[in-house]
Amino acid sequence: MTGNPDDKGHAVVVRNAYKRYTKQQTILDGLDLTLPKNKIYGLLGPSGCGKTTLLSCIVGRMRLDYGSIKLSATTRRELGYMPQDLNLHLRLSIWETLKFYGYLFGMEIDEIRKRADELIKFLQLPPEGRMVQDLR
């Protein structure tokens, strides 16, 4: 986390990002990306194009070989990230799942409740007591 928001209100600014796994496998090749604050984004593209690598670098799970990433977030709690390999616990309810991940990020129960209510409404999820396995 840089905690260094730019003056134009951007949440994420990626400049000249390079990431290579092997000499023959360059995943990010000079990528520039600017994302305004207060928006929700999805990253789409074919398998192997660098989506997971880019997100892993943005959230600090991986480092770029070259380039920079600046975030307006000063703590991980301010940054939302849903990895593709996230395993939802099918035997938990929607509320239990959101509460579980809230605790993982160090949130207090009141904040978890507030955020869960917002997410359930925004994503138009069924009632919070519904089991995750029934969402399929």
N, C-alpha and C. Protein backbone atom coordinates (compact mmCIF):
# COMPACT_ATOMS: atom_id res chain seq x y z
N MET A 1 0.84 -1.17 0.00
CA MET A 1 0.00 0.00 0.00
C MET A 1 0.89 1.24 0.00
N THR A 2 0.64 2.11 -0.91
CA THR A 2 1.44 3.33 -0.93
C THR A 2 0.81 4.44 -0.13
N GLY A 3 -0.50 4.44 -0.04
CA GLY A 3 -1.18 5.52 0.66
C GLY A 3 -0.92 6.86 0.01
N ASN A 4 -0.70 6.85 -1.28
CA ASN A 4 -0.32 8.05 -2.00
C ASN A 4 -1.30 8.32 -3.13
N PRO A 5 -2.51 8.76 -2.80
CA PRO A 5 -3.48 9.01 -3.87
C PRO A 5 -3.01 10.15 -4.75
N ASP A 6 -3.28 10.02 -6.05
CA ASP A 6 -2.86 11.12 -6.92
C ASP A 6 -3.90 12.23 -6.87
N ASP A 7 -3.57 13.35 -7.47
CA ASP A 7 -4.43 14.53 -7.35
C ASP A 7 -5.67 14.48 -8.22
N LYS A 8 -5.85 13.44 -9.01
CA LYS A 8 -7.02 13.35 -9.88
C LYS A 8 -8.06 12.37 -9.36
N GLY A 9 -7.91 11.90 -8.14
CA GLY A 9 -8.91 11.03 -7.56
C GLY A 9 -8.91 9.61 -8.08
N HIS A 10 -7.75 9.08 -8.38
CA HIS A 10 -7.66 7.72 -8.87
C HIS A 10 -7.43 6.74 -7.72
N ALA A 11 -8.09 5.59 -7.81
CA ALA A 11 -7.90 4.54 -6.82
C ALA A 11 -6.64 3.75 -7.10
N VAL A 12 -6.37 3.48 -8.39
CA VAL A 12 -5.21 2.69 -8.81
C VAL A 12 -4.57 3.36 -10.01
N VAL A 13 -3.26 3.50 -9.95
CA VAL A 13 -2.49 3.99 -11.09
C VAL A 13 -1.32 3.03 -11.30
N VAL A 14 -1.32 2.36 -12.45
CA VAL A 14 -0.24 1.43 -12.82
C VAL A 14 0.51 2.07 -13.98
N ARG A 15 1.83 2.14 -13.85
CA ARG A 15 2.65 2.76 -14.90
C ARG A 15 3.79 1.83 -15.30
N ASN A 16 3.88 1.59 -16.62
CA ASN A 16 4.98 0.86 -17.23
C ASN A 16 5.25 -0.47 -16.51
N ALA A 17 4.19 -1.22 -16.23
CA ALA A 17 4.30 -2.47 -15.46
C ALA A 17 4.84 -3.62 -16.32
N TYR A 18 5.89 -4.24 -15.80
CA TYR A 18 6.47 -5.42 -16.44
C TYR A 18 6.51 -6.55 -15.43
N LYS A 19 6.10 -7.72 -15.89
CA LYS A 19 6.22 -8.93 -15.07
C LYS A 19 6.51 -10.09 -16.01
N ARG A 20 7.56 -10.81 -15.68
CA ARG A 20 7.98 -11.94 -16.50
C ARG A 20 8.18 -13.14 -15.58
N TYR A 21 7.71 -14.30 -16.00
CA TYR A 21 7.91 -15.53 -15.22
C TYR A 21 9.16 -16.26 -15.69
N THR A 22 9.39 -16.29 -17.00
CA THR A 22 10.60 -16.86 -17.58
C THR A 22 11.02 -15.95 -18.72
N LYS A 23 12.20 -16.20 -19.30
CA LYS A 23 12.64 -15.37 -20.43
C LYS A 23 11.64 -15.41 -21.58
N GLN A 24 10.98 -16.53 -21.73
CA GLN A 24 10.02 -16.69 -22.83
C GLN A 24 8.60 -16.30 -22.44
N GLN A 25 8.35 -16.03 -21.18
CA GLN A 25 6.98 -15.80 -20.73
C GLN A 25 6.84 -14.44 -20.04
N THR A 26 6.66 -13.40 -20.85
CA THR A 26 6.38 -12.06 -20.33
C THR A 26 4.87 -11.93 -20.20
N ILE A 27 4.42 -11.63 -18.99
CA ILE A 27 2.99 -11.54 -18.73
C ILE A 27 2.48 -10.10 -18.85
N LEU A 28 3.16 -9.18 -18.21
CA LEU A 28 2.82 -7.76 -18.32
C LEU A 28 3.97 -7.07 -19.04
N ASP A 29 3.66 -6.33 -20.09
CA ASP A 29 4.70 -5.75 -20.93
C ASP A 29 4.46 -4.26 -21.14
N GLY A 30 4.82 -3.47 -20.11
CA GLY A 30 4.67 -2.02 -20.21
C GLY A 30 3.25 -1.53 -20.00
N LEU A 31 2.49 -2.22 -19.19
CA LEU A 31 1.07 -1.89 -18.97
C LEU A 31 0.91 -0.56 -18.23
N ASP A 32 0.01 0.27 -18.72
CA ASP A 32 -0.44 1.48 -18.05
C ASP A 32 -1.94 1.35 -17.80
N LEU A 33 -2.37 1.67 -16.58
CA LEU A 33 -3.78 1.53 -16.21
C LEU A 33 -4.10 2.58 -15.16
N THR A 34 -5.23 3.26 -15.32
CA THR A 34 -5.69 4.23 -14.33
C THR A 34 -7.16 3.96 -14.04
N LEU A 35 -7.47 3.75 -12.76
CA LEU A 35 -8.85 3.46 -12.35
C LEU A 35 -9.33 4.54 -11.38
N PRO A 36 -10.40 5.25 -11.72
CA PRO A 36 -10.95 6.26 -10.81
C PRO A 36 -11.48 5.64 -9.52
N LYS A 37 -11.53 6.45 -8.49
CA LYS A 37 -12.07 6.01 -7.19
C LYS A 37 -13.57 5.79 -7.27
N ASN A 38 -14.08 5.05 -6.28
CA ASN A 38 -15.51 4.86 -6.05
C ASN A 38 -16.22 4.16 -7.20
N LYS A 39 -15.54 3.23 -7.83
CA LYS A 39 -16.12 2.42 -8.89
C LYS A 39 -15.80 0.96 -8.62
N ILE A 40 -16.55 0.08 -9.24
CA ILE A 40 -16.28 -1.36 -9.17
C ILE A 40 -15.85 -1.79 -10.56
N TYR A 41 -14.76 -2.55 -10.62
CA TYR A 41 -14.22 -2.98 -11.90
C TYR A 41 -14.11 -4.49 -11.96
N GLY A 42 -14.26 -5.02 -13.15
CA GLY A 42 -13.98 -6.42 -13.44
C GLY A 42 -12.88 -6.44 -14.48
N LEU A 43 -12.02 -7.42 -14.40
CA LEU A 43 -10.92 -7.55 -15.34
C LEU A 43 -11.18 -8.77 -16.20
N LEU A 44 -11.39 -8.56 -17.48
CA LEU A 44 -11.74 -9.63 -18.40
C LEU A 44 -10.65 -9.84 -19.43
N GLY A 45 -10.46 -11.09 -19.85
CA GLY A 45 -9.49 -11.40 -20.88
C GLY A 45 -9.28 -12.89 -20.96
N PRO A 46 -8.61 -13.34 -22.01
CA PRO A 46 -8.38 -14.77 -22.18
C PRO A 46 -7.43 -15.33 -21.13
N SER A 47 -7.47 -16.62 -20.97
CA SER A 47 -6.59 -17.32 -20.04
C SER A 47 -5.13 -17.01 -20.37
N GLY A 48 -4.36 -16.68 -19.34
CA GLY A 48 -2.94 -16.45 -19.52
C GLY A 48 -2.55 -15.05 -19.93
N CYS A 49 -3.52 -14.12 -20.00
CA CYS A 49 -3.18 -12.77 -20.48
C CYS A 49 -2.64 -11.86 -19.39
N GLY A 50 -2.69 -12.29 -18.12
CA GLY A 50 -2.11 -11.49 -17.04
C GLY A 50 -3.08 -10.90 -16.05
N LYS A 51 -4.34 -11.29 -16.11
CA LYS A 51 -5.35 -10.72 -15.19
C LYS A 51 -4.99 -11.00 -13.73
N THR A 52 -4.76 -12.26 -13.41
CA THR A 52 -4.46 -12.65 -12.03
C THR A 52 -3.12 -12.07 -11.60
N THR A 53 -2.15 -12.06 -12.49
CA THR A 53 -0.84 -11.49 -12.17
C THR A 53 -0.98 -10.01 -11.83
N LEU A 54 -1.70 -9.27 -12.65
CA LEU A 54 -1.88 -7.84 -12.40
C LEU A 54 -2.56 -7.61 -11.06
N LEU A 55 -3.66 -8.31 -10.80
CA LEU A 55 -4.37 -8.14 -9.53
C LEU A 55 -3.49 -8.54 -8.35
N SER A 56 -2.71 -9.60 -8.50
CA SER A 56 -1.81 -10.03 -7.42
C SER A 56 -0.77 -8.95 -7.13
N CYS A 57 -0.30 -8.27 -8.15
CA CYS A 57 0.64 -7.16 -7.95
C CYS A 57 -0.05 -5.97 -7.28
N ILE A 58 -1.25 -5.66 -7.72
CA ILE A 58 -1.97 -4.52 -7.15
C ILE A 58 -2.23 -4.72 -5.66
N VAL A 59 -2.62 -5.93 -5.25
CA VAL A 59 -2.93 -6.16 -3.84
C VAL A 59 -1.72 -6.55 -3.01
N GLY A 60 -0.54 -6.61 -3.63
CA GLY A 60 0.68 -6.87 -2.88
C GLY A 60 1.04 -8.32 -2.67
N ARG A 61 0.39 -9.23 -3.37
CA ARG A 61 0.72 -10.65 -3.24
C ARG A 61 1.91 -11.02 -4.11
N MET A 62 2.26 -10.13 -5.04
CA MET A 62 3.35 -10.37 -5.99
C MET A 62 3.96 -9.01 -6.33
N ARG A 63 5.23 -9.00 -6.70
CA ARG A 63 5.90 -7.76 -7.07
C ARG A 63 6.12 -7.68 -8.58
N LEU A 64 6.03 -6.46 -9.09
CA LEU A 64 6.38 -6.22 -10.49
C LEU A 64 7.90 -6.37 -10.65
N ASP A 65 8.34 -6.76 -11.84
CA ASP A 65 9.77 -6.74 -12.13
C ASP A 65 10.23 -5.31 -12.39
N TYR A 66 9.33 -4.52 -12.95
CA TYR A 66 9.65 -3.13 -13.27
C TYR A 66 8.33 -2.37 -13.35
N GLY A 67 8.37 -1.08 -13.06
CA GLY A 67 7.17 -0.26 -13.13
C GLY A 67 6.69 0.12 -11.75
N SER A 68 5.53 0.78 -11.70
CA SER A 68 5.01 1.23 -10.41
C SER A 68 3.50 1.04 -10.33
N ILE A 69 3.06 0.85 -9.10
CA ILE A 69 1.63 0.78 -8.78
C ILE A 69 1.39 1.71 -7.61
N LYS A 70 0.48 2.65 -7.78
CA LYS A 70 0.11 3.56 -6.70
C LYS A 70 -1.36 3.36 -6.39
N LEU A 71 -1.66 3.27 -5.10
CA LEU A 71 -3.02 3.06 -4.63
C LEU A 71 -3.43 4.20 -3.71
N SER A 72 -4.70 4.55 -3.76
CA SER A 72 -5.19 5.54 -2.81
C SER A 72 -5.41 4.90 -1.44
N ALA A 73 -5.59 3.59 -1.41
CA ALA A 73 -5.80 2.87 -0.14
C ALA A 73 -4.54 2.95 0.71
N THR A 74 -4.73 3.14 2.01
CA THR A 74 -3.59 3.16 2.92
C THR A 74 -3.50 1.87 3.73
N THR A 75 -4.58 1.09 3.75
CA THR A 75 -4.57 -0.21 4.42
C THR A 75 -5.29 -1.22 3.53
N ARG A 76 -5.04 -2.49 3.78
CA ARG A 76 -5.70 -3.55 3.01
C ARG A 76 -7.21 -3.53 3.20
N ARG A 77 -7.67 -3.05 4.35
CA ARG A 77 -9.11 -3.00 4.61
C ARG A 77 -9.84 -2.09 3.63
N GLU A 78 -9.13 -1.15 3.04
CA GLU A 78 -9.73 -0.21 2.09
C GLU A 78 -9.77 -0.75 0.67
N LEU A 79 -9.15 -1.90 0.45
CA LEU A 79 -9.01 -2.44 -0.89
C LEU A 79 -9.84 -3.71 -1.02
N GLY A 80 -10.78 -3.73 -1.96
CA GLY A 80 -11.58 -4.92 -2.20
C GLY A 80 -10.98 -5.75 -3.32
N TYR A 81 -10.91 -7.06 -3.12
CA TYR A 81 -10.30 -7.96 -4.12
C TYR A 81 -10.97 -9.32 -4.01
N MET A 82 -11.44 -9.84 -5.13
CA MET A 82 -12.06 -11.16 -5.17
C MET A 82 -11.29 -12.03 -6.15
N PRO A 83 -10.35 -12.85 -5.67
CA PRO A 83 -9.56 -13.68 -6.58
C PRO A 83 -10.41 -14.76 -7.23
N GLN A 84 -9.98 -15.17 -8.44
CA GLN A 84 -10.75 -16.17 -9.17
C GLN A 84 -10.76 -17.52 -8.48
N ASP A 85 -9.75 -17.79 -7.68
CA ASP A 85 -9.67 -19.10 -7.04
C ASP A 85 -10.25 -19.10 -5.63
N LEU A 86 -11.01 -18.07 -5.31
CA LEU A 86 -11.65 -17.99 -4.01
C LEU A 86 -12.59 -19.18 -3.83
N ASN A 87 -12.41 -19.88 -2.75
CA ASN A 87 -13.29 -21.01 -2.47
C ASN A 87 -14.36 -20.58 -1.49
N LEU A 88 -15.58 -20.54 -1.96
CA LEU A 88 -16.69 -20.25 -1.07
C LEU A 88 -17.03 -21.51 -0.29
N HIS A 89 -17.30 -21.36 0.95
CA HIS A 89 -17.67 -22.49 1.79
C HIS A 89 -19.16 -22.77 1.57
N LEU A 90 -19.44 -23.84 0.86
CA LEU A 90 -20.80 -24.13 0.43
C LEU A 90 -21.76 -24.37 1.58
N ARG A 91 -21.25 -24.78 2.72
CA ARG A 91 -22.13 -25.08 3.85
C ARG A 91 -22.36 -23.87 4.76
N LEU A 92 -21.87 -22.72 4.34
CA LEU A 92 -22.11 -21.49 5.10
C LEU A 92 -23.22 -20.70 4.41
N SER A 93 -23.90 -19.88 5.20
CA SER A 93 -24.90 -18.98 4.62
C SER A 93 -24.18 -17.77 4.01
N ILE A 94 -24.93 -16.96 3.29
CA ILE A 94 -24.36 -15.74 2.73
C ILE A 94 -23.78 -14.88 3.85
N TRP A 95 -24.55 -14.69 4.92
CA TRP A 95 -24.10 -13.88 6.05
C TRP A 95 -22.85 -14.48 6.70
N GLU A 96 -22.83 -15.78 6.93
CA GLU A 96 -21.67 -16.42 7.55
C GLU A 96 -20.42 -16.26 6.69
N THR A 97 -20.60 -16.34 5.38
CA THR A 97 -19.47 -16.17 4.46
C THR A 97 -18.92 -14.75 4.53
N LEU A 98 -19.80 -13.76 4.46
CA LEU A 98 -19.36 -12.37 4.54
C LEU A 98 -18.73 -12.07 5.90
N LYS A 99 -19.29 -12.61 6.96
CA LYS A 99 -18.74 -12.41 8.30
C LYS A 99 -17.35 -13.04 8.40
N PHE A 100 -17.19 -14.24 7.86
CA PHE A 100 -15.90 -14.94 7.88
C PHE A 100 -14.81 -14.09 7.23
N TYR A 101 -15.10 -13.59 6.02
CA TYR A 101 -14.09 -12.79 5.31
C TYR A 101 -13.89 -11.43 5.96
N GLY A 102 -14.92 -10.88 6.57
CA GLY A 102 -14.75 -9.64 7.32
C GLY A 102 -13.79 -9.83 8.48
N TYR A 103 -13.94 -10.92 9.22
CA TYR A 103 -13.03 -11.22 10.33
C TYR A 103 -11.60 -11.41 9.83
N LEU A 104 -11.46 -12.07 8.68
CA LEU A 104 -10.11 -12.27 8.12
C LEU A 104 -9.41 -10.95 7.85
N PHE A 105 -10.19 -9.93 7.49
CA PHE A 105 -9.60 -8.62 7.21
C PHE A 105 -9.58 -7.73 8.44
N GLY A 106 -9.85 -8.29 9.61
CA GLY A 106 -9.73 -7.54 10.85
C GLY A 106 -10.84 -6.55 11.12
N MET A 107 -11.99 -6.75 10.50
CA MET A 107 -13.11 -5.84 10.68
C MET A 107 -13.87 -6.17 11.96
N GLU A 108 -14.44 -5.15 12.57
CA GLU A 108 -15.31 -5.34 13.74
C GLU A 108 -16.69 -5.78 13.25
N ILE A 109 -17.45 -6.45 14.11
CA ILE A 109 -18.74 -7.02 13.72
C ILE A 109 -19.72 -5.94 13.22
N ASP A 110 -19.71 -4.76 13.82
CA ASP A 110 -20.61 -3.69 13.36
C ASP A 110 -20.29 -3.26 11.93
N GLU A 111 -19.00 -3.17 11.62
CA GLU A 111 -18.58 -2.81 10.26
C GLU A 111 -18.91 -3.93 9.28
N ILE A 112 -18.72 -5.17 9.72
CA ILE A 112 -19.06 -6.32 8.86
C ILE A 112 -20.55 -6.29 8.53
N ARG A 113 -21.38 -6.06 9.54
CA ARG A 113 -22.83 -6.02 9.33
C ARG A 113 -23.19 -4.93 8.33
N LYS A 114 -22.62 -3.74 8.52
CA LYS A 114 -22.90 -2.61 7.62
C LYS A 114 -22.49 -2.94 6.19
N ARG A 115 -21.27 -3.43 6.03
CA ARG A 115 -20.77 -3.75 4.69
C ARG A 115 -21.54 -4.91 4.06
N ALA A 116 -21.88 -5.91 4.86
CA ALA A 116 -22.64 -7.06 4.35
C ALA A 116 -24.00 -6.60 3.83
N ASP A 117 -24.68 -5.76 4.60
CA ASP A 117 -25.98 -5.24 4.16
C ASP A 117 -25.85 -4.48 2.84
N GLU A 118 -24.79 -3.67 2.73
CA GLU A 118 -24.56 -2.92 1.49
C GLU A 118 -24.32 -3.87 0.31
N LEU A 119 -23.49 -4.89 0.53
CA LEU A 119 -23.18 -5.83 -0.55
C LEU A 119 -24.40 -6.64 -0.97
N ILE A 120 -25.14 -7.12 0.00
CA ILE A 120 -26.33 -7.92 -0.30
C ILE A 120 -27.32 -7.09 -1.13
N LYS A 121 -27.49 -5.85 -0.76
CA LYS A 121 -28.39 -4.97 -1.52
C LYS A 121 -27.83 -4.66 -2.90
N PHE A 122 -26.56 -4.25 -2.96
CA PHE A 122 -25.95 -3.85 -4.23
C PHE A 122 -25.90 -5.01 -5.22
N LEU A 123 -25.54 -6.20 -4.74
CA LEU A 123 -25.42 -7.37 -5.62
C LEU A 123 -26.75 -8.08 -5.83
N GLN A 124 -27.80 -7.58 -5.19
CA GLN A 124 -29.14 -8.16 -5.29
C GLN A 124 -29.13 -9.65 -4.95
N LEU A 125 -28.46 -9.96 -3.83
CA LEU A 125 -28.39 -11.34 -3.37
C LEU A 125 -29.68 -11.73 -2.68
N PRO A 126 -29.94 -13.03 -2.63
CA PRO A 126 -31.12 -13.49 -1.88
C PRO A 126 -30.92 -13.24 -0.38
N PRO A 127 -31.91 -13.55 0.44
CA PRO A 127 -31.79 -13.32 1.88
C PRO A 127 -30.50 -13.91 2.45
N GLU A 128 -29.92 -13.19 3.41
CA GLU A 128 -28.61 -13.55 3.95
C GLU A 128 -28.53 -14.92 4.60
N GLY A 129 -29.66 -15.51 4.97
CA GLY A 129 -29.66 -16.83 5.58
C GLY A 129 -29.54 -17.96 4.57
N ARG A 130 -29.65 -17.64 3.31
CA ARG A 130 -29.57 -18.67 2.26
C ARG A 130 -28.16 -19.25 2.19
N MET A 131 -28.09 -20.54 1.99
CA MET A 131 -26.80 -21.22 1.93
C MET A 131 -26.11 -20.92 0.60
N VAL A 132 -24.80 -20.79 0.65
CA VAL A 132 -24.02 -20.52 -0.56
C VAL A 132 -24.24 -21.61 -1.60
N GLN A 133 -24.33 -22.86 -1.15
CA GLN A 133 -24.52 -23.97 -2.10
C GLN A 133 -25.84 -23.86 -2.86
N ASP A 134 -26.79 -23.10 -2.34
CA ASP A 134 -28.08 -22.94 -3.02
C ASP A 134 -28.08 -21.78 -4.02
N LEU A 135 -26.95 -21.12 -4.19
CA LEU A 135 -26.87 -19.99 -5.11
C LEU A 135 -26.56 -20.43 -6.53
N ARG A 136 -26.25 -21.67 -6.72
CA ARG A 136 -25.87 -22.18 -8.05
C ARG A 136 -27.03 -22.22 -8.98
